[in-house]
């Protein structure tokens, strides 16, 4: 079902909410930026918690979009 969702996004059948686009962009920028709220160099594995939090929020937003897409599908 996720492949159909990705095809619907690519084909323009489903419009993603602007908050999801903003969060996705922010997550990618945060992941590749040298600035880190909790640096791994100082705190070791504990420093990955902020990165995990950002990616978790993105995953939740993506799941919400998938649910929106599923509810908009015609019943079979």
N, C-alpha and C. Protein backbone atom coordinates (compact mmCIF):
# COMPACT_ATOMS: atom_id res chain seq x y z
N UNK A 1 0.82 -1.19 0.00
CA UNK A 1 0.00 0.00 0.00
C UNK A 1 0.87 1.26 0.00
N UNK A 2 2.07 1.18 0.58
CA UNK A 2 2.94 2.36 0.62
C UNK A 2 3.43 2.72 -0.77
N UNK A 3 3.65 1.69 -1.63
CA UNK A 3 4.10 1.99 -2.99
C UNK A 3 3.04 2.77 -3.75
N UNK A 4 1.78 2.37 -3.57
CA UNK A 4 0.68 3.10 -4.22
C UNK A 4 0.60 4.53 -3.70
N UNK A 5 0.87 4.69 -2.41
CA UNK A 5 0.86 6.03 -1.82
C UNK A 5 1.97 6.89 -2.44
N UNK A 6 3.16 6.31 -2.57
CA UNK A 6 4.27 7.06 -3.17
C UNK A 6 3.99 7.39 -4.63
N UNK A 7 3.36 6.48 -5.35
CA UNK A 7 2.98 6.75 -6.74
C UNK A 7 1.93 7.86 -6.81
N UNK A 8 1.00 7.86 -5.85
CA UNK A 8 -0.03 8.91 -5.80
C UNK A 8 0.62 10.27 -5.53
N UNK A 9 1.64 10.30 -4.69
CA UNK A 9 2.35 11.55 -4.43
C UNK A 9 3.08 12.02 -5.68
N UNK A 10 3.77 11.09 -6.32
CA UNK A 10 4.55 11.44 -7.51
C UNK A 10 3.64 11.87 -8.65
N UNK A 11 2.49 11.21 -8.80
CA UNK A 11 1.57 11.51 -9.88
C UNK A 11 0.66 12.70 -9.60
N UNK A 12 0.74 13.25 -8.40
CA UNK A 12 -0.08 14.40 -8.07
C UNK A 12 -1.51 14.07 -7.66
N UNK A 13 -1.78 12.80 -7.40
CA UNK A 13 -3.12 12.39 -6.98
C UNK A 13 -3.41 12.80 -5.54
N UNK A 14 -2.37 12.94 -4.75
CA UNK A 14 -2.52 13.32 -3.34
C UNK A 14 -1.62 14.51 -3.05
N UNK A 15 -2.20 15.54 -2.48
CA UNK A 15 -1.42 16.72 -2.09
C UNK A 15 -1.03 16.60 -0.63
N UNK A 16 0.24 16.75 -0.36
CA UNK A 16 0.75 16.67 0.99
C UNK A 16 0.54 18.02 1.67
N UNK A 17 0.15 17.98 2.94
CA UNK A 17 -0.07 19.21 3.70
C UNK A 17 1.22 20.02 3.77
N UNK A 18 1.07 21.31 3.79
CA UNK A 18 2.26 22.18 3.81
C UNK A 18 3.07 21.98 5.09
N UNK A 19 2.43 21.66 6.20
CA UNK A 19 3.18 21.42 7.43
C UNK A 19 4.08 20.20 7.31
N UNK A 20 3.63 19.19 6.56
CA UNK A 20 4.46 18.00 6.35
C UNK A 20 5.67 18.34 5.49
N UNK A 21 5.46 19.15 4.44
CA UNK A 21 6.59 19.56 3.60
C UNK A 21 7.60 20.37 4.41
N UNK A 22 7.10 21.27 5.24
CA UNK A 22 7.99 22.10 6.05
C UNK A 22 8.77 21.24 7.03
N UNK A 23 8.08 20.30 7.68
CA UNK A 23 8.75 19.42 8.64
C UNK A 23 9.77 18.52 7.95
N UNK A 24 9.44 18.03 6.76
CA UNK A 24 10.37 17.18 6.03
C UNK A 24 11.62 17.95 5.63
N UNK A 25 11.42 19.16 5.15
CA UNK A 25 12.56 20.00 4.77
C UNK A 25 13.41 20.32 6.00
N UNK A 26 12.76 20.66 7.10
CA UNK A 26 13.50 20.98 8.33
C UNK A 26 14.26 19.75 8.84
N UNK A 27 13.67 18.57 8.74
CA UNK A 27 14.34 17.36 9.21
C UNK A 27 15.59 17.07 8.38
N UNK A 28 15.47 17.21 7.07
CA UNK A 28 16.63 16.95 6.21
C UNK A 28 17.72 17.99 6.45
N UNK A 29 17.34 19.26 6.54
CA UNK A 29 18.33 20.31 6.79
C UNK A 29 19.01 20.09 8.14
N UNK A 30 18.23 19.75 9.16
CA UNK A 30 18.80 19.51 10.49
C UNK A 30 19.75 18.31 10.47
N UNK A 31 19.38 17.27 9.71
CA UNK A 31 20.22 16.06 9.67
C UNK A 31 21.56 16.32 8.99
N UNK A 32 21.58 17.20 7.99
CA UNK A 32 22.85 17.41 7.27
C UNK A 32 23.61 18.64 7.76
N UNK A 33 23.00 19.42 8.64
CA UNK A 33 23.68 20.62 9.12
C UNK A 33 24.72 20.27 10.19
N UNK A 34 25.76 21.07 10.28
CA UNK A 34 26.78 20.80 11.30
C UNK A 34 26.33 21.24 12.70
N UNK A 35 25.25 21.98 12.80
CA UNK A 35 24.76 22.44 14.09
C UNK A 35 23.87 21.35 14.69
N UNK A 36 24.10 21.03 15.95
CA UNK A 36 23.38 19.97 16.61
C UNK A 36 23.00 20.42 18.01
N UNK A 37 21.76 20.19 18.40
CA UNK A 37 21.34 20.59 19.75
C UNK A 37 22.04 19.78 20.83
N UNK A 38 22.16 18.48 20.61
CA UNK A 38 22.88 17.61 21.54
C UNK A 38 23.99 16.94 20.75
N UNK A 39 25.22 17.44 20.84
CA UNK A 39 26.31 16.91 20.01
C UNK A 39 26.72 15.49 20.42
N UNK A 40 26.88 14.62 19.42
CA UNK A 40 27.31 13.25 19.66
C UNK A 40 28.75 13.20 20.16
N UNK A 41 29.55 14.15 19.73
CA UNK A 41 30.96 14.16 20.12
C UNK A 41 31.12 14.31 21.63
N UNK A 42 30.25 15.10 22.23
CA UNK A 42 30.34 15.36 23.66
C UNK A 42 29.62 14.28 24.48
N UNK A 43 28.43 13.92 24.06
CA UNK A 43 27.59 13.03 24.87
C UNK A 43 27.49 11.61 24.32
N UNK A 44 28.18 11.30 23.26
CA UNK A 44 28.15 9.95 22.72
C UNK A 44 26.78 9.57 22.19
N UNK A 45 26.35 8.34 22.47
CA UNK A 45 25.06 7.86 21.94
C UNK A 45 23.87 8.70 22.41
N UNK A 46 23.97 9.34 23.55
CA UNK A 46 22.88 10.18 24.03
C UNK A 46 22.65 11.36 23.08
N UNK A 47 23.68 11.74 22.35
CA UNK A 47 23.56 12.84 21.40
C UNK A 47 22.68 12.52 20.21
N UNK A 48 22.37 11.25 20.01
CA UNK A 48 21.52 10.86 18.89
C UNK A 48 20.03 11.05 19.20
N UNK A 49 19.69 11.37 20.45
CA UNK A 49 18.28 11.48 20.82
C UNK A 49 17.58 12.62 20.08
N UNK A 50 18.24 13.73 19.89
CA UNK A 50 17.60 14.83 19.17
C UNK A 50 17.38 14.47 17.70
N UNK A 51 18.35 13.78 17.10
CA UNK A 51 18.18 13.33 15.72
C UNK A 51 17.03 12.32 15.62
N UNK A 52 16.97 11.41 16.56
CA UNK A 52 15.90 10.43 16.58
C UNK A 52 14.54 11.11 16.75
N UNK A 53 14.49 12.14 17.56
CA UNK A 53 13.25 12.88 17.75
C UNK A 53 12.78 13.55 16.47
N UNK A 54 13.70 14.18 15.76
CA UNK A 54 13.35 14.85 14.50
C UNK A 54 12.83 13.84 13.48
N UNK A 55 13.51 12.71 13.34
CA UNK A 55 13.07 11.70 12.37
C UNK A 55 11.77 11.04 12.81
N UNK A 56 11.55 10.92 14.13
CA UNK A 56 10.29 10.34 14.61
C UNK A 56 9.11 11.25 14.28
N UNK A 57 9.28 12.54 14.47
CA UNK A 57 8.22 13.48 14.12
C UNK A 57 7.92 13.40 12.63
N UNK A 58 8.96 13.32 11.82
CA UNK A 58 8.76 13.19 10.37
C UNK A 58 8.01 11.90 10.03
N UNK A 59 8.36 10.80 10.69
CA UNK A 59 7.67 9.54 10.43
C UNK A 59 6.20 9.62 10.82
N UNK A 60 5.90 10.29 11.92
CA UNK A 60 4.50 10.46 12.33
C UNK A 60 3.72 11.29 11.32
N UNK A 61 4.33 12.35 10.82
CA UNK A 61 3.66 13.18 9.82
C UNK A 61 3.43 12.41 8.52
N UNK A 62 4.40 11.60 8.14
CA UNK A 62 4.25 10.79 6.93
C UNK A 62 3.14 9.76 7.12
N UNK A 63 3.05 9.15 8.29
CA UNK A 63 1.97 8.20 8.58
C UNK A 63 0.62 8.90 8.55
N UNK A 64 0.56 10.15 9.04
CA UNK A 64 -0.68 10.91 9.00
C UNK A 64 -1.11 11.17 7.55
N UNK A 65 -0.15 11.52 6.70
CA UNK A 65 -0.46 11.74 5.28
C UNK A 65 -0.95 10.45 4.62
N UNK A 66 -0.33 9.35 4.97
CA UNK A 66 -0.75 8.06 4.42
C UNK A 66 -2.17 7.75 4.85
N UNK A 67 -2.51 8.01 6.11
CA UNK A 67 -3.88 7.80 6.60
C UNK A 67 -4.87 8.70 5.88
N UNK A 68 -4.48 9.96 5.65
CA UNK A 68 -5.35 10.88 4.90
C UNK A 68 -5.61 10.36 3.49
N UNK A 69 -4.57 9.83 2.86
CA UNK A 69 -4.69 9.29 1.51
C UNK A 69 -5.61 8.07 1.51
N UNK A 70 -5.45 7.19 2.52
CA UNK A 70 -6.29 5.98 2.60
C UNK A 70 -7.76 6.33 2.79
N UNK A 71 -8.04 7.33 3.59
CA UNK A 71 -9.44 7.69 3.83
C UNK A 71 -10.06 8.35 2.59
N UNK A 72 -9.25 8.93 1.75
CA UNK A 72 -9.77 9.57 0.54
C UNK A 72 -9.99 8.60 -0.61
N UNK A 73 -9.45 7.38 -0.49
CA UNK A 73 -9.63 6.38 -1.54
C UNK A 73 -11.09 5.95 -1.60
N UNK A 74 -11.59 5.71 -2.79
CA UNK A 74 -12.97 5.20 -2.89
C UNK A 74 -13.06 3.80 -2.30
N UNK A 75 -14.17 3.50 -1.68
CA UNK A 75 -14.38 2.18 -1.07
C UNK A 75 -14.52 1.12 -2.16
N UNK A 76 -13.91 -0.02 -1.90
CA UNK A 76 -14.01 -1.12 -2.87
C UNK A 76 -14.95 -2.16 -2.36
